[in-house]
Amino acid sequence: MIERFIFGMHWKHDGKMYYDELPADSKEDAAGYFIDHKRDDVSLVRVELVGPNEGGVREFVLSPTSPFSPLTARRRLDIDEDAR
């Protein structure tokens, strides 16, 4: 069984610090995903372990400021994407 974790991503944009949480298998995977998908004007400052990922418990915040580009992070959270 693969255990996934929640990692806190501290990132900086335009001189301001921000925080988001990201599920991943390891700290390196979380940092790699963030770096590969972030916008060019965002820098990763620190990654910290928050705890185990308890599926279905957390809700993602729809932040007006996202570290990811709109084309990479475009997902519909208001509908079930798996429903046919």
C-alpha atoms as a PDB file:
ATOM      1  CA  MET A   1       0.000   0.000   0.000  1.00  0.00           C
ATOM      2  CA  ILE A   2       1.362   3.379  -1.004  1.00  0.00           C
ATOM      3  CA  GLU A   3       0.920   6.058   1.612  1.00  0.00           C
ATOM      4  CA  ARG A   4       0.567   9.602   0.353  1.00  0.00           C
ATOM      5  CA  PHE A   5       1.293  12.673   2.402  1.00  0.00           C
ATOM      6  CA  ILE A   6       0.298  16.337   2.406  1.00  0.00           C
ATOM      7  CA  PHE A   7       3.182  18.786   2.037  1.00  0.00           C
ATOM      8  CA  GLY A   8       3.087  22.497   2.770  1.00  0.00           C
ATOM      9  CA  MET A   9       4.525  24.531  -0.075  1.00  0.00           C
ATOM     10  CA  HIS A  10       5.847  27.970   0.894  1.00  0.00           C
ATOM     11  CA  TRP A  11       6.322  30.048  -2.237  1.00  0.00           C
ATOM     12  CA  LYS A  12       7.063  33.655  -3.134  1.00  0.00           C
ATOM     13  CA  HIS A  13       5.627  35.946  -5.780  1.00  0.00           C
ATOM     14  CA  ASP A  14       6.315  39.632  -6.200  1.00  0.00           C
ATOM     15  CA  GLY A  15       7.918  39.921  -2.741  1.00  0.00           C
ATOM     16  CA  LYS A  16       4.982  38.271  -0.915  1.00  0.00           C
ATOM     17  CA  MET A  17       5.014  34.839   0.706  1.00  0.00           C
ATOM     18  CA  TYR A  18       2.187  32.350   0.065  1.00  0.00           C
ATOM     19  CA  TYR A  19       1.299  28.865   1.303  1.00  0.00           C
ATOM     20  CA  ASP A  20      -0.455  25.968  -0.413  1.00  0.00           C
ATOM     21  CA  GLU A  21      -0.757  22.265   0.341  1.00  0.00           C
ATOM     22  CA  LEU A  22       0.011  19.510  -2.149  1.00  0.00           C
ATOM     23  CA  PRO A  23      -0.455  15.708  -1.894  1.00  0.00           C
ATOM     24  CA  ALA A  24       2.580  13.611  -2.888  1.00  0.00           C
ATOM     25  CA  ASP A  25       4.456  10.410  -2.074  1.00  0.00           C
ATOM     26  CA  SER A  26       7.597  12.208  -0.858  1.00  0.00           C
ATOM     27  CA  LYS A  27       9.028  15.647  -0.201  1.00  0.00           C
ATOM     28  CA  GLU A  28      11.139  15.355  -3.367  1.00  0.00           C
ATOM     29  CA  ASP A  29       8.068  14.462  -5.463  1.00  0.00           C
ATOM     30  CA  ALA A  30       6.139  17.443  -4.075  1.00  0.00           C
ATOM     31  CA  ALA A  31       9.009  19.853  -4.776  1.00  0.00           C
ATOM     32  CA  GLY A  32       9.559  18.396  -8.257  1.00  0.00           C
ATOM     33  CA  TYR A  33       5.882  18.690  -9.185  1.00  0.00           C
ATOM     34  CA  PHE A  34       5.722  22.275  -7.923  1.00  0.00           C
ATOM     35  CA  ILE A  35       8.892  23.320  -9.774  1.00  0.00           C
ATOM     36  CA  ASP A  36       7.837  21.607 -13.019  1.00  0.00           C
ATOM     37  CA  HIS A  37       4.359  23.185 -13.053  1.00  0.00           C
ATOM     38  CA  LYS A  38       4.864  26.608 -11.456  1.00  0.00           C
ATOM     39  CA  ARG A  39       4.655  29.909 -13.277  1.00  0.00           C
ATOM     40  CA  ASP A  40       7.929  31.578 -14.227  1.00  0.00           C
ATOM     41  CA  ASP A  41       7.385  34.489 -11.808  1.00  0.00           C
ATOM     42  CA  VAL A  42       7.002  32.175  -8.758  1.00  0.00           C
ATOM     43  CA  SER A  43       9.808  30.754  -6.627  1.00  0.00           C
ATOM     44  CA  LEU A  44       9.629  27.827  -4.200  1.00  0.00           C
ATOM     45  CA  VAL A  45      10.959  28.771  -0.759  1.00  0.00           C
ATOM     46  CA  ARG A  46      10.354  25.735   1.485  1.00  0.00           C
ATOM     47  CA  VAL A  47       8.584  22.371   1.569  1.00  0.00           C
ATOM     48  CA  GLU A  48       7.429  20.849   4.873  1.00  0.00           C
ATOM     49  CA  LEU A  49       5.543  17.701   5.813  1.00  0.00           C
ATOM     50  CA  VAL A  50       2.021  18.407   7.101  1.00  0.00           C
ATOM     51  CA  GLY A  51       0.852  14.822   7.670  1.00  0.00           C
ATOM     52  CA  PRO A  52      -0.710  11.779   6.019  1.00  0.00           C
ATOM     53  CA  ASN A  53      -3.203  12.331   3.224  1.00  0.00           C
ATOM     54  CA  GLU A  54      -6.568  11.248   4.577  1.00  0.00           C
ATOM     55  CA  GLY A  55      -8.506  11.031   1.336  1.00  0.00           C
ATOM     56  CA  GLY A  56     -11.769  12.936   1.197  1.00  0.00           C
ATOM     57  CA  VAL A  57     -11.116  14.958   4.344  1.00  0.00           C
ATOM     58  CA  ARG A  58      -9.422  18.027   2.880  1.00  0.00           C
ATOM     59  CA  GLU A  59     -11.006  20.597   0.605  1.00  0.00           C
ATOM     60  CA  PHE A  60      -8.844  22.618  -1.740  1.00  0.00           C
ATOM     61  CA  VAL A  61      -9.184  26.372  -1.429  1.00  0.00           C
ATOM     62  CA  LEU A  62      -9.944  28.256  -4.620  1.00  0.00           C
ATOM     63  CA  SER A  63      -7.292  30.922  -4.124  1.00  0.00           C
ATOM     64  CA  PRO A  64      -7.293  33.995  -6.362  1.00  0.00           C
ATOM     65  CA  THR A  65      -3.480  33.692  -6.457  1.00  0.00           C
ATOM     66  CA  SER A  66      -2.233  30.403  -7.877  1.00  0.00           C
ATOM     67  CA  PRO A  67       1.417  29.399  -8.315  1.00  0.00           C
ATOM     68  CA  PHE A  68       0.497  27.369 -11.405  1.00  0.00           C
ATOM     69  CA  SER A  69      -0.216  28.604 -14.894  1.00  0.00           C
ATOM     70  CA  PRO A  70      -3.903  28.684 -15.889  1.00  0.00           C
ATOM     71  CA  LEU A  71      -3.358  26.070 -18.606  1.00  0.00           C
ATOM     72  CA  THR A  72      -1.712  23.613 -16.204  1.00  0.00           C
ATOM     73  CA  ALA A  73      -4.073  24.042 -13.257  1.00  0.00           C
ATOM     74  CA  ARG A  74      -7.396  24.139 -15.106  1.00  0.00           C
ATOM     75  CA  ARG A  75      -9.739  21.684 -13.316  1.00  0.00           C
ATOM     76  CA  ARG A  76     -13.450  21.774 -12.671  1.00  0.00           C
ATOM     77  CA  LEU A  77     -13.995  21.364  -8.928  1.00  0.00           C
ATOM     78  CA  ASP A  78     -17.736  22.030  -9.152  1.00  0.00           C
ATOM     79  CA  ILE A  79     -18.524  18.842 -11.137  1.00  0.00           C
ATOM     80  CA  ASP A  80     -17.568  15.191 -10.858  1.00  0.00           C
ATOM     81  CA  GLU A  81     -15.068  14.643 -13.672  1.00  0.00           C
ATOM     82  CA  ASP A  82     -15.432  10.856 -13.492  1.00  0.00           C
ATOM     83  CA  ALA A  83     -19.236  10.866 -13.906  1.00  0.00           C
ATOM     84  CA  ARG A  84     -20.427   9.774 -17.316  1.00  0.00           C
END
